[in-house]
Amino acid sequence: MQTNMKIVDDVAVITLKGKLMGGPETEECHRQVKEAISQGINKAAVDLSGAEWINSRGMGMLMACYISLANKGGELRLAGETEKTKSLLHMTKLNTIFKSYETVEDAIRSFR
């Protein structure tokens, strides 16, 4: 998995590509969220359009990011989920926790 973070306005946009299956790469995403928080940014949009698959450890990482942001009064949005990811979020009922948007731009706009 590859992660990339950029700041758009006051939102950390984290792009994930590949398989979110745990390990150091998955931890990198949470590290990037913590880095954004340390810079005073408490809003994040995670672009999942390049995520091929997410297992339970990947879902756990998304929850850890969500909790880290929530503890600082912030929020996490998901964007660009594949059908596989949407199905997994639905099966685990995490779709009731995460706000999801078709595009990253929509997710960023939702913070305004």
PDB file of N, CA and C in Angstrom:
ATOM      1  N   MET A   1       0.829  -1.169   0.000  1.00  0.00           N
ATOM      2  CA  MET A   1       0.000   0.000   0.000  1.00  0.00           C
ATOM      3  C   MET A   1       0.881   1.243   0.000  1.00  0.00           C
ATOM      4  N   GLN A   2       0.409   2.264  -0.688  1.00  0.00           N
ATOM      5  CA  GLN A   2       1.096   3.552  -0.715  1.00  0.00           C
ATOM      6  C   GLN A   2       0.178   4.608  -0.103  1.00  0.00           C
ATOM      7  N   THR A   3       0.774   5.517   0.643  1.00  0.00           N
ATOM      8  CA  THR A   3      -0.001   6.625   1.206  1.00  0.00           C
ATOM      9  C   THR A   3       0.653   7.934   0.813  1.00  0.00           C
ATOM     10  N   ASN A   4      -0.184   8.929   0.640  1.00  0.00           N
ATOM     11  CA  ASN A   4       0.304  10.262   0.328  1.00  0.00           C
ATOM     12  C   ASN A   4      -0.629  11.260   1.012  1.00  0.00           C
ATOM     13  N   MET A   5      -0.042  12.277   1.643  1.00  0.00           N
ATOM     14  CA  MET A   5      -0.864  13.289   2.292  1.00  0.00           C
ATOM     15  C   MET A   5      -0.533  14.656   1.718  1.00  0.00           C
ATOM     16  N   LYS A   6      -1.587  15.429   1.475  1.00  0.00           N
ATOM     17  CA  LYS A   6      -1.423  16.828   1.108  1.00  0.00           C
ATOM     18  C   LYS A   6      -2.489  17.614   1.858  1.00  0.00           C
ATOM     19  N   ILE A   7      -2.233  18.889   2.053  1.00  0.00           N
ATOM     20  CA  ILE A   7      -3.176  19.752   2.749  1.00  0.00           C
ATOM     21  C   ILE A   7      -3.894  20.603   1.700  1.00  0.00           C
ATOM     22  N   VAL A   8      -5.217  20.539   1.707  1.00  0.00           N
ATOM     23  CA  VAL A   8      -6.044  21.352   0.825  1.00  0.00           C
ATOM     24  C   VAL A   8      -6.919  22.208   1.727  1.00  0.00           C
ATOM     25  N   ASP A   9      -6.724  23.537   1.630  1.00  0.00           N
ATOM     26  CA  ASP A   9      -7.367  24.461   2.560  1.00  0.00           C
ATOM     27  C   ASP A   9      -6.947  24.048   3.971  1.00  0.00           C
ATOM     28  N   ASP A  10      -7.877  23.650   4.809  1.00  0.00           N
ATOM     29  CA  ASP A  10      -7.530  23.208   6.158  1.00  0.00           C
ATOM     30  C   ASP A  10      -7.889  21.741   6.362  1.00  0.00           C
ATOM     31  N   VAL A  11      -7.818  20.964   5.266  1.00  0.00           N
ATOM     32  CA  VAL A  11      -8.161  19.540   5.302  1.00  0.00           C
ATOM     33  C   VAL A  11      -6.955  18.708   4.864  1.00  0.00           C
ATOM     34  N   ALA A  12      -6.616  17.703   5.660  1.00  0.00           N
ATOM     35  CA  ALA A  12      -5.579  16.750   5.266  1.00  0.00           C
ATOM     36  C   ALA A  12      -6.224  15.735   4.325  1.00  0.00           C
ATOM     37  N   VAL A  13      -5.699  15.646   3.116  1.00  0.00           N
ATOM     38  CA  VAL A  13      -6.206  14.684   2.137  1.00  0.00           C
ATOM     39  C   VAL A  13      -5.185  13.561   2.044  1.00  0.00           C
ATOM     40  N   ILE A  14      -5.632  12.372   2.416  1.00  0.00           N
ATOM     41  CA  ILE A  14      -4.750  11.208   2.419  1.00  0.00           C
ATOM     42  C   ILE A  14      -5.218  10.256   1.335  1.00  0.00           C
ATOM     43  N   THR A  15      -4.332   9.975   0.396  1.00  0.00           N
ATOM     44  CA  THR A  15      -4.639   9.085  -0.711  1.00  0.00           C
ATOM     45  C   THR A  15      -4.009   7.727  -0.429  1.00  0.00           C
ATOM     46  N   LEU A  16      -4.828   6.683  -0.521  1.00  0.00           N
ATOM     47  CA  LEU A  16      -4.355   5.315  -0.290  1.00  0.00           C
ATOM     48  C   LEU A  16      -4.439   4.539  -1.597  1.00  0.00           C
ATOM     49  N   LYS A  17      -3.384   3.796  -1.900  1.00  0.00           N
ATOM     50  CA  LYS A  17      -3.364   2.963  -3.103  1.00  0.00           C
ATOM     51  C   LYS A  17      -2.839   1.589  -2.746  1.00  0.00           C
ATOM     52  N   GLY A  18      -3.502   0.569  -3.272  1.00  0.00           N
ATOM     53  CA  GLY A  18      -3.073  -0.799  -3.028  1.00  0.00           C
ATOM     54  C   GLY A  18      -3.985  -1.497  -2.036  1.00  0.00           C
ATOM     55  N   LYS A  19      -3.424  -2.466  -1.343  1.00  0.00           N
ATOM     56  CA  LYS A  19      -4.189  -3.263  -0.383  1.00  0.00           C
ATOM     57  C   LYS A  19      -3.888  -2.810   1.031  1.00  0.00           C
ATOM     58  N   LEU A  20      -4.937  -2.502   1.787  1.00  0.00           N
ATOM     59  CA  LEU A  20      -4.795  -2.109   3.185  1.00  0.00           C
ATOM     60  C   LEU A  20      -4.918  -3.374   4.020  1.00  0.00           C
ATOM     61  N   MET A  21      -3.801  -4.014   4.239  1.00  0.00           N
ATOM     62  CA  MET A  21      -3.797  -5.313   4.892  1.00  0.00           C
ATOM     63  C   MET A  21      -3.020  -5.313   6.200  1.00  0.00           C
ATOM     64  N   GLY A  22      -2.745  -4.155   6.738  1.00  0.00           N
ATOM     65  CA  GLY A  22      -1.977  -4.092   7.974  1.00  0.00           C
ATOM     66  C   GLY A  22      -0.507  -3.868   7.674  1.00  0.00           C
ATOM     67  N   GLY A  23       0.285  -3.875   8.696  1.00  0.00           N
ATOM     68  CA  GLY A  23       1.716  -3.688   8.537  1.00  0.00           C
ATOM     69  C   GLY A  23       2.131  -2.232   8.564  1.00  0.00           C
ATOM     70  N   PRO A  24       3.416  -1.987   8.325  1.00  0.00           N
ATOM     71  CA  PRO A  24       3.963  -0.629   8.426  1.00  0.00           C
ATOM     72  C   PRO A  24       3.284   0.374   7.492  1.00  0.00           C
ATOM     73  N   GLU A  25       2.879  -0.080   6.305  1.00  0.00           N
ATOM     74  CA  GLU A  25       2.248   0.840   5.364  1.00  0.00           C
ATOM     75  C   GLU A  25       0.925   1.359   5.907  1.00  0.00           C
ATOM     76  N   THR A  26       0.157   0.482   6.533  1.00  0.00           N
ATOM     77  CA  THR A  26      -1.124   0.877   7.097  1.00  0.00           C
ATOM     78  C   THR A  26      -0.908   1.836   8.267  1.00  0.00           C
ATOM     79  N   GLU A  27       0.102   1.563   9.072  1.00  0.00           N
ATOM     80  CA  GLU A  27       0.418   2.444  10.193  1.00  0.00           C
ATOM     81  C   GLU A  27       0.848   3.822   9.714  1.00  0.00           C
ATOM     82  N   GLU A  28       1.401   3.901   8.508  1.00  0.00           N
ATOM     83  CA  GLU A  28       1.829   5.177   7.944  1.00  0.00           C
ATOM     84  C   GLU A  28       0.644   6.138   7.780  1.00  0.00           C
ATOM     85  N   CYS A  29      -0.489   5.626   7.411  1.00  0.00           N
ATOM     86  CA  CYS A  29      -1.672   6.468   7.258  1.00  0.00           C
ATOM     87  C   CYS A  29      -2.052   7.105   8.591  1.00  0.00           C
ATOM     88  N   HIS A  30      -2.071   6.327   9.647  1.00  0.00           N
ATOM     89  CA  HIS A  30      -2.401   6.867  10.968  1.00  0.00           C
ATOM     90  C   HIS A  30      -1.339   7.871  11.415  1.00  0.00           C
ATOM     91  N   ARG A  31      -0.093   7.602  11.098  1.00  0.00           N
ATOM     92  CA  ARG A  31       0.984   8.529  11.427  1.00  0.00           C
ATOM     93  C   ARG A  31       0.760   9.866  10.718  1.00  0.00           C
ATOM     94  N   GLN A  32       0.314   9.814   9.468  1.00  0.00           N
ATOM     95  CA  GLN A  32       0.070  11.047   8.720  1.00  0.00           C
ATOM     96  C   GLN A  32      -1.088  11.842   9.329  1.00  0.00           C
ATOM     97  N   VAL A  33      -2.111  11.147   9.785  1.00  0.00           N
ATOM     98  CA  VAL A  33      -3.221  11.829  10.451  1.00  0.00           C
ATOM     99  C   VAL A  33      -2.717  12.502  11.732  1.00  0.00           C
ATOM    100  N   LYS A  34      -1.899  11.799  12.500  1.00  0.00           N
ATOM    101  CA  LYS A  34      -1.348  12.385  13.721  1.00  0.00           C
ATOM    102  C   LYS A  34      -0.459  13.588  13.412  1.00  0.00           C
ATOM    103  N   GLU A  35       0.277  13.513  12.313  1.00  0.00           N
ATOM    104  CA  GLU A  35       1.110  14.635  11.892  1.00  0.00           C
ATOM    105  C   GLU A  35       0.240  15.850  11.561  1.00  0.00           C
ATOM    106  N   ALA A  36      -0.858  15.625  10.855  1.00  0.00           N
ATOM    107  CA  ALA A  36      -1.784  16.722  10.534  1.00  0.00           C
ATOM    108  C   ALA A  36      -2.339  17.338  11.814  1.00  0.00           C
ATOM    109  N   ILE A  37      -2.716  16.492  12.752  1.00  0.00           N
ATOM    110  CA  ILE A  37      -3.248  16.988  14.035  1.00  0.00           C
ATOM    111  C   ILE A  37      -2.198  17.846  14.742  1.00  0.00           C
ATOM    112  N   SER A  38      -0.945  17.406  14.717  1.00  0.00           N
ATOM    113  CA  SER A  38       0.115  18.169  15.377  1.00  0.00           C
ATOM    114  C   SER A  38       0.322  19.535  14.719  1.00  0.00           C
ATOM    115  N   GLN A  39      -0.107  19.673  13.462  1.00  0.00           N
ATOM    116  CA  GLN A  39      -0.018  20.946  12.743  1.00  0.00           C
ATOM    117  C   GLN A  39      -1.291  21.779  12.909  1.00  0.00           C
ATOM    118  N   GLY A  40      -2.212  21.308  13.756  1.00  0.00           N
ATOM    119  CA  GLY A  40      -3.437  22.040  14.011  1.00  0.00           C
ATOM    120  C   GLY A  40      -4.566  21.737  13.043  1.00  0.00           C
ATOM    121  N   ILE A  41      -4.402  20.708  12.249  1.00  0.00           N
ATOM    122  CA  ILE A  41      -5.438  20.317  11.283  1.00  0.00           C
ATOM    123  C   ILE A  41      -6.221  19.154  11.877  1.00  0.00           C
ATOM    124  N   ASN A  42      -7.536  19.340  12.032  1.00  0.00           N
ATOM    125  CA  ASN A  42      -8.338  18.275  12.638  1.00  0.00           C
ATOM    126  C   ASN A  42      -9.444  17.779  11.705  1.00  0.00           C
ATOM    127  N   LYS A  43      -9.256  18.000  10.399  1.00  0.00           N
ATOM    128  CA  LYS A  43     -10.190  17.484   9.396  1.00  0.00           C
ATOM    129  C   LYS A  43      -9.390  16.693   8.381  1.00  0.00           C
ATOM    130  N   ALA A  44      -9.896  15.511   8.038  1.00  0.00           N
ATOM    131  CA  ALA A  44      -9.191  14.678   7.065  1.00  0.00           C
ATOM    132  C   ALA A  44     -10.173  13.998   6.130  1.00  0.00           C
ATOM    133  N   ALA A  45      -9.752  13.882   4.877  1.00  0.00           N
ATOM    134  CA  ALA A  45     -10.494  13.130   3.868  1.00  0.00           C
ATOM    135  C   ALA A  45      -9.572  12.027   3.371  1.00  0.00           C
ATOM    136  N   VAL A  46     -10.048  10.797   3.421  1.00  0.00           N
ATOM    137  CA  VAL A  46      -9.256   9.663   2.967  1.00  0.00           C
ATOM    138  C   VAL A  46      -9.795   9.224   1.612  1.00  0.00           C
ATOM    139  N   ASP A  47      -8.937   9.309   0.598  1.00  0.00           N
ATOM    140  CA  ASP A  47      -9.290   8.911  -0.758  1.00  0.00           C
ATOM    141  C   ASP A  47      -9.039   7.415  -0.908  1.00  0.00           C
ATOM    142  N   LEU A  48     -10.118   6.656  -1.033  1.00  0.00           N
ATOM    143  CA  LEU A  48     -10.027   5.199  -1.138  1.00  0.00           C
ATOM    144  C   LEU A  48     -10.192   4.705  -2.568  1.00  0.00           C
ATOM    145  N   SER A  49     -10.195   5.608  -3.538  1.00  0.00           N
ATOM    146  CA  SER A  49     -10.441   5.196  -4.924  1.00  0.00           C
ATOM    147  C   SER A  49      -9.366   4.250  -5.452  1.00  0.00           C
ATOM    148  N   GLY A  50      -8.169   4.305  -4.880  1.00  0.00           N
ATOM    149  CA  GLY A  50      -7.094   3.415  -5.305  1.00  0.00           C
ATOM    150  C   GLY A  50      -6.898   2.215  -4.400  1.00  0.00           C
ATOM    151  N   ALA A  51      -7.779   2.060  -3.428  1.00  0.00           N
ATOM    152  CA  ALA A  51      -7.666   0.925  -2.498  1.00  0.00           C
ATOM    153  C   ALA A  51      -8.282  -0.319  -3.139  1.00  0.00           C
ATOM    154  N   GLU A  52      -7.467  -1.304  -3.384  1.00  0.00           N
ATOM    155  CA  GLU A  52      -7.930  -2.539  -4.013  1.00  0.00           C
ATOM    156  C   GLU A  52      -8.715  -3.417  -3.042  1.00  0.00           C
ATOM    157  N   TRP A  53      -8.268  -3.421  -1.798  1.00  0.00           N
ATOM    158  CA  TRP A  53      -8.909  -4.274  -0.795  1.00  0.00           C
ATOM    159  C   TRP A  53      -8.557  -3.762   0.593  1.00  0.00           C
ATOM    160  N   ILE A  54      -9.471  -3.947   1.532  1.00  0.00           N
ATOM    161  CA  ILE A  54      -9.230  -3.570   2.922  1.00  0.00           C
ATOM    162  C   ILE A  54      -9.631  -4.749   3.800  1.00  0.00           C
ATOM    163  N   ASN A  55      -8.723  -5.185   4.669  1.00  0.00           N
ATOM    164  CA  ASN A  55      -9.082  -6.238   5.619  1.00  0.00           C
ATOM    165  C   ASN A  55      -9.385  -5.599   6.978  1.00  0.00           C
ATOM    166  N   SER A  56      -9.526  -6.426   7.995  1.00  0.00           N
ATOM    167  CA  SER A  56      -9.908  -5.917   9.317  1.00  0.00           C
ATOM    168  C   SER A  56      -8.852  -4.980   9.895  1.00  0.00           C
ATOM    169  N   ARG A  57      -7.581  -5.239   9.622  1.00  0.00           N
ATOM    170  CA  ARG A  57      -6.531  -4.342  10.127  1.00  0.00           C
ATOM    171  C   ARG A  57      -6.599  -2.992   9.432  1.00  0.00           C
ATOM    172  N   GLY A  58      -6.935  -2.989   8.156  1.00  0.00           N
ATOM    173  CA  GLY A  58      -7.117  -1.731   7.433  1.00  0.00           C
ATOM    174  C   GLY A  58      -8.302  -0.952   7.977  1.00  0.00           C
ATOM    175  N   MET A  59      -9.394  -1.666   8.273  1.00  0.00           N
ATOM    176  CA  MET A  59     -10.563  -1.017   8.870  1.00  0.00           C
ATOM    177  C   MET A  59     -10.214  -0.474  10.257  1.00  0.00           C
ATOM    178  N   GLY A  60      -9.417  -1.226  11.000  1.00  0.00           N
ATOM    179  CA  GLY A  60      -8.973  -0.777  12.316  1.00  0.00           C
ATOM    180  C   GLY A  60      -8.157   0.497  12.213  1.00  0.00           C
ATOM    181  N   MET A  61      -7.333   0.602  11.178  1.00  0.00           N
ATOM    182  CA  MET A  61      -6.535   1.803  10.964  1.00  0.00           C
ATOM    183  C   MET A  61      -7.446   2.994  10.676  1.00  0.00           C
ATOM    184  N   LEU A  62      -8.482   2.805   9.859  1.00  0.00           N
ATOM    185  CA  LEU A  62      -9.421   3.891   9.584  1.00  0.00           C
ATOM    186  C   LEU A  62     -10.122   4.338  10.867  1.00  0.00           C
ATOM    187  N   MET A  63     -10.490   3.372  11.705  1.00  0.00           N
ATOM    188  CA  MET A  63     -11.121   3.705  12.990  1.00  0.00           C
ATOM    189  C   MET A  63     -10.144   4.454  13.901  1.00  0.00           C
ATOM    190  N   ALA A  64      -8.887   4.040  13.908  1.00  0.00           N
ATOM    191  CA  ALA A  64      -7.885   4.726  14.731  1.00  0.00           C
ATOM    192  C   ALA A  64      -7.728   6.174  14.271  1.00  0.00           C
ATOM    193  N   CYS A  65      -7.724   6.395  12.962  1.00  0.00           N
ATOM    194  CA  CYS A  65      -7.647   7.763  12.430  1.00  0.00           C
ATOM    195  C   CYS A  65      -8.874   8.561  12.848  1.00  0.00           C
ATOM    196  N   TYR A  66     -10.038   7.945  12.725  1.00  0.00           N
ATOM    197  CA  TYR A  66     -11.301   8.587  13.107  1.00  0.00           C
ATOM    198  C   TYR A  66     -11.272   9.004  14.580  1.00  0.00           C
ATOM    199  N   ILE A  67     -10.834   8.095  15.440  1.00  0.00           N
ATOM    200  CA  ILE A  67     -10.803   8.362  16.882  1.00  0.00           C
ATOM    201  C   ILE A  67      -9.782   9.458  17.220  1.00  0.00           C
ATOM    202  N   SER A  68      -8.610   9.399  16.583  1.00  0.00           N
ATOM    203  CA  SER A  68      -7.595  10.425  16.834  1.00  0.00           C
ATOM    204  C   SER A  68      -8.133  11.813  16.491  1.00  0.00           C
ATOM    205  N   LEU A  69      -8.822  11.916  15.365  1.00  0.00           N
ATOM    206  CA  LEU A  69      -9.395  13.202  14.957  1.00  0.00           C
ATOM    207  C   LEU A  69     -10.538  13.613  15.875  1.00  0.00           C
ATOM    208  N   ALA A  70     -11.407  12.666  16.208  1.00  0.00           N
ATOM    209  CA  ALA A  70     -12.554  12.971  17.075  1.00  0.00           C
ATOM    210  C   ALA A  70     -12.091  13.453  18.444  1.00  0.00           C
ATOM    211  N   ASN A  71     -11.015  12.878  18.947  1.00  0.00           N
ATOM    212  CA  ASN A  71     -10.481  13.297  20.246  1.00  0.00           C
ATOM    213  C   ASN A  71      -9.985  14.739  20.237  1.00  0.00           C
ATOM    214  N   LYS A  72      -9.713  15.274  19.056  1.00  0.00           N
ATOM    215  CA  LYS A  72      -9.267  16.663  18.920  1.00  0.00           C
ATOM    216  C   LYS A  72     -10.385  17.548  18.360  1.00  0.00           C
ATOM    217  N   GLY A  73     -11.625  17.051  18.410  1.00  0.00           N
ATOM    218  CA  GLY A  73     -12.762  17.827  17.919  1.00  0.00           C
ATOM    219  C   GLY A  73     -12.886  17.837  16.411  1.00  0.00           C
ATOM    220  N   GLY A  74     -12.214  16.910  15.761  1.00  0.00           N
ATOM    221  CA  GLY A  74     -12.205  16.873  14.305  1.00  0.00           C
ATOM    222  C   GLY A  74     -13.055  15.765  13.717  1.00  0.00           C
ATOM    223  N   GLU A  75     -12.943  15.623  12.407  1.00  0.00           N
ATOM    224  CA  GLU A  75     -13.738  14.627  11.704  1.00  0.00           C
ATOM    225  C   GLU A  75     -12.940  13.993  10.572  1.00  0.00           C
ATOM    226  N   LEU A  76     -13.358  12.800  10.208  1.00  0.00           N
ATOM    227  CA  LEU A  76     -12.772  12.051   9.095  1.00  0.00           C
ATOM    228  C   LEU A  76     -13.875  11.773   8.093  1.00  0.00           C
ATOM    229  N   ARG A  77     -13.573  11.984   6.821  1.00  0.00           N
ATOM    230  CA  ARG A  77     -14.496  11.660   5.740  1.00  0.00           C
ATOM    231  C   ARG A  77     -13.811  10.661   4.813  1.00  0.00           C
ATOM    232  N   LEU A  78     -14.603   9.787   4.198  1.00  0.00           N
ATOM    233  CA  LEU A  78     -14.099   8.859   3.203  1.00  0.00           C
ATOM    234  C   LEU A  78     -14.570   9.315   1.832  1.00  0.00           C
ATOM    235  N   ALA A  79     -13.780   9.029   0.814  1.00  0.00           N
ATOM    236  CA  ALA A  79     -14.151   9.419  -0.543  1.00  0.00           C
ATOM    237  C   ALA A  79     -13.699   8.358  -1.539  1.00  0.00           C
ATOM    238  N   GLY A  80     -14.469   8.243  -2.618  1.00  0.00           N
ATOM    239  CA  GLY A  80     -14.074   7.392  -3.738  1.00  0.00           C
ATOM    240  C   GLY A  80     -14.013   5.907  -3.451  1.00  0.00           C
ATOM    241  N   GLU A  81     -14.868   5.421  -2.590  1.00  0.00           N
ATOM    242  CA  GLU A  81     -14.819   3.997  -2.244  1.00  0.00           C
ATOM    243  C   GLU A  81     -15.181   3.124  -3.445  1.00  0.00           C
ATOM    244  N   THR A  82     -14.491   2.014  -3.556  1.00  0.00           N
ATOM    245  CA  THR A  82     -14.836   1.032  -4.576  1.00  0.00           C
ATOM    246  C   THR A  82     -16.056   0.245  -4.102  1.00  0.00           C
ATOM    247  N   GLU A  83     -16.651  -0.512  -4.984  1.00  0.00           N
ATOM    248  CA  GLU A  83     -17.809  -1.321  -4.599  1.00  0.00           C
ATOM    249  C   GLU A  83     -17.433  -2.325  -3.506  1.00  0.00           C
ATOM    250  N   LYS A  84     -16.235  -2.905  -3.598  1.00  0.00           N
ATOM    251  CA  LYS A  84     -15.768  -3.846  -2.568  1.00  0.00           C
ATOM    252  C   LYS A  84     -15.701  -3.160  -1.207  1.00  0.00           C
ATOM    253  N   THR A  85     -15.139  -1.959  -1.197  1.00  0.00           N
ATOM    254  CA  THR A  85     -14.993  -1.231   0.061  1.00  0.00           C
ATOM    255  C   THR A  85     -16.350  -0.832   0.620  1.00  0.00           C
ATOM    256  N   LYS A  86     -17.244  -0.357  -0.248  1.00  0.00           N
ATOM    257  CA  LYS A  86     -18.596  -0.004   0.195  1.00  0.00           C
ATOM    258  C   LYS A  86     -19.287  -1.205   0.826  1.00  0.00           C
ATOM    259  N   SER A  87     -19.137  -2.363   0.193  1.00  0.00           N
ATOM    260  CA  SER A  87     -19.758  -3.584   0.696  1.00  0.00           C
ATOM    261  C   SER A  87     -19.205  -3.948   2.071  1.00  0.00           C
ATOM    262  N   LEU A  88     -17.901  -3.852   2.222  1.00  0.00           N
ATOM    263  CA  LEU A  88     -17.265  -4.180   3.502  1.00  0.00           C
ATOM    264  C   LEU A  88     -17.706  -3.202   4.597  1.00  0.00           C
ATOM    265  N   LEU A  89     -17.776  -1.919   4.268  1.00  0.00           N
ATOM    266  CA  LEU A  89     -18.240  -0.932   5.245  1.00  0.00           C
ATOM    267  C   LEU A  89     -19.679  -1.220   5.654  1.00  0.00           C
ATOM    268  N   HIS A  90     -20.485  -1.635   4.694  1.00  0.00           N
ATOM    269  CA  HIS A  90     -21.886  -1.958   4.987  1.00  0.00           C
ATOM    270  C   HIS A  90     -21.990  -3.201   5.882  1.00  0.00           C
ATOM    271  N   MET A  91     -21.235  -4.251   5.548  1.00  0.00           N
ATOM    272  CA  MET A  91     -21.279  -5.494   6.327  1.00  0.00           C
ATOM    273  C   MET A  91     -20.826  -5.284   7.763  1.00  0.00           C
ATOM    274  N   THR A  92     -19.855  -4.413   7.950  1.00  0.00           N
ATOM    275  CA  THR A  92     -19.316  -4.178   9.299  1.00  0.00           C
ATOM    276  C   THR A  92     -20.062  -3.059  10.031  1.00  0.00           C
ATOM    277  N   LYS A  93     -21.028  -2.468   9.356  1.00  0.00           N
ATOM    278  CA  LYS A  93     -21.827  -1.358   9.899  1.00  0.00           C
ATOM    279  C   LYS A  93     -20.999  -0.092  10.115  1.00  0.00           C
ATOM    280  N   LEU A  94     -19.766  -0.063   9.607  1.00  0.00           N
ATOM    281  CA  LEU A  94     -18.953   1.138   9.725  1.00  0.00           C
ATOM    282  C   LEU A  94     -19.469   2.253   8.822  1.00  0.00           C
ATOM    283  N   ASN A  95     -20.342   1.903   7.891  1.00  0.00           N
ATOM    284  CA  ASN A  95     -20.962   2.937   7.055  1.00  0.00           C
ATOM    285  C   ASN A  95     -21.863   3.856   7.888  1.00  0.00           C
ATOM    286  N   THR A  96     -22.208   3.423   9.092  1.00  0.00           N
ATOM    287  CA  THR A  96     -23.012   4.283   9.975  1.00  0.00           C
ATOM    288  C   THR A  96     -22.135   5.261  10.760  1.00  0.00           C
ATOM    289  N   ILE A  97     -20.834   5.024  10.755  1.00  0.00           N
ATOM    290  CA  ILE A  97     -19.893   5.881  11.476  1.00  0.00           C
ATOM    291  C   ILE A  97     -19.223   6.878  10.530  1.00  0.00           C
ATOM    292  N   PHE A  98     -18.751   6.380   9.396  1.00  0.00           N
ATOM    293  CA  PHE A  98     -18.034   7.223   8.442  1.00  0.00           C
ATOM    294  C   PHE A  98     -18.994   7.922   7.492  1.00  0.00           C
ATOM    295  N   LYS A  99     -18.743   9.201   7.258  1.00  0.00           N
ATOM    296  CA  LYS A  99     -19.455   9.929   6.213  1.00  0.00           C
ATOM    297  C   LYS A  99     -18.672   9.706   4.925  1.00  0.00           C
ATOM    298  N   SER A 100     -19.382   9.318   3.871  1.00  0.00           N
ATOM    299  CA  SER A 100     -18.731   8.975   2.615  1.00  0.00           C
ATOM    300  C   SER A 100     -19.210   9.871   1.482  1.00  0.00           C
ATOM    301  N   TYR A 101     -18.297  10.146   0.565  1.00  0.00           N
ATOM    302  CA  TYR A 101     -18.570  11.023  -0.569  1.00  0.00           C
ATOM    303  C   TYR A 101     -18.006  10.400  -1.841  1.00  0.00           C
ATOM    304  N   GLU A 102     -18.600  10.753  -2.951  1.00  0.00           N
ATOM    305  CA  GLU A 102     -18.168  10.203  -4.244  1.00  0.00           C
ATOM    306  C   GLU A 102     -16.742  10.630  -4.580  1.00  0.00           C
ATOM    307  N   THR A 103     -16.424  11.900  -4.336  1.00  0.00           N
ATOM    308  CA  THR A 103     -15.104  12.417  -4.701  1.00  0.00           C
ATOM    309  C   THR A 103     -14.442  13.094  -3.499  1.00  0.00           C
ATOM    310  N   VAL A 104     -13.146  13.263  -3.609  1.00  0.00           N
ATOM    311  CA  VAL A 104     -12.395  13.969  -2.572  1.00  0.00           C
ATOM    312  C   VAL A 104     -12.868  15.419  -2.493  1.00  0.00           C
ATOM    313  N   GLU A 105     -13.131  16.005  -3.644  1.00  0.00           N
ATOM    314  CA  GLU A 105     -13.605  17.390  -3.676  1.00  0.00           C
ATOM    315  C   GLU A 105     -14.914  17.534  -2.901  1.00  0.00           C
ATOM    316  N   ASP A 106     -15.829  16.557  -3.076  1.00  0.00           N
ATOM    317  CA  ASP A 106     -17.090  16.577  -2.327  1.00  0.00           C
ATOM    318  C   ASP A 106     -16.833  16.462  -0.826  1.00  0.00           C
ATOM    319  N   ALA A 107     -15.896  15.604  -0.456  1.00  0.00           N
ATOM    320  CA  ALA A 107     -15.569  15.433   0.958  1.00  0.00           C
ATOM    321  C   ALA A 107     -14.993  16.715   1.545  1.00  0.00           C
ATOM    322  N   ILE A 108     -14.114  17.371   0.806  1.00  0.00           N
ATOM    323  CA  ILE A 108     -13.538  18.636   1.280  1.00  0.00           C
ATOM    324  C   ILE A 108     -14.628  19.691   1.434  1.00  0.00           C
ATOM    325  N   ARG A 109     -15.511  19.788   0.442  1.00  0.00           N
ATOM    326  CA  ARG A 109     -16.616  20.757   0.504  1.00  0.00           C
ATOM    327  C   ARG A 109     -17.521  20.504   1.693  1.00  0.00           C
ATOM    328  N   SER A 110     -17.671  19.247   2.097  1.00  0.00           N
ATOM    329  CA  SER A 110     -18.580  18.912   3.202  1.00  0.00           C
ATOM    330  C   SER A 110     -18.130  19.521   4.528  1.00  0.00           C
ATOM    331  N   PHE A 111     -16.869  19.892   4.632  1.00  0.00           N
ATOM    332  CA  PHE A 111     -16.358  20.494   5.861  1.00  0.00           C
ATOM    333  C   PHE A 111     -16.711  21.977   5.974  1.00  0.00           C
ATOM    334  N   ARG A 112     -17.128  22.581   4.884  1.00  0.00           N
ATOM    335  CA  ARG A 112     -17.431  24.031   4.900  1.00  0.00           C
ATOM    336  C   ARG A 112     -18.773  24.309   5.472  1.00  0.00           C
TER     337      ARG A 112
END
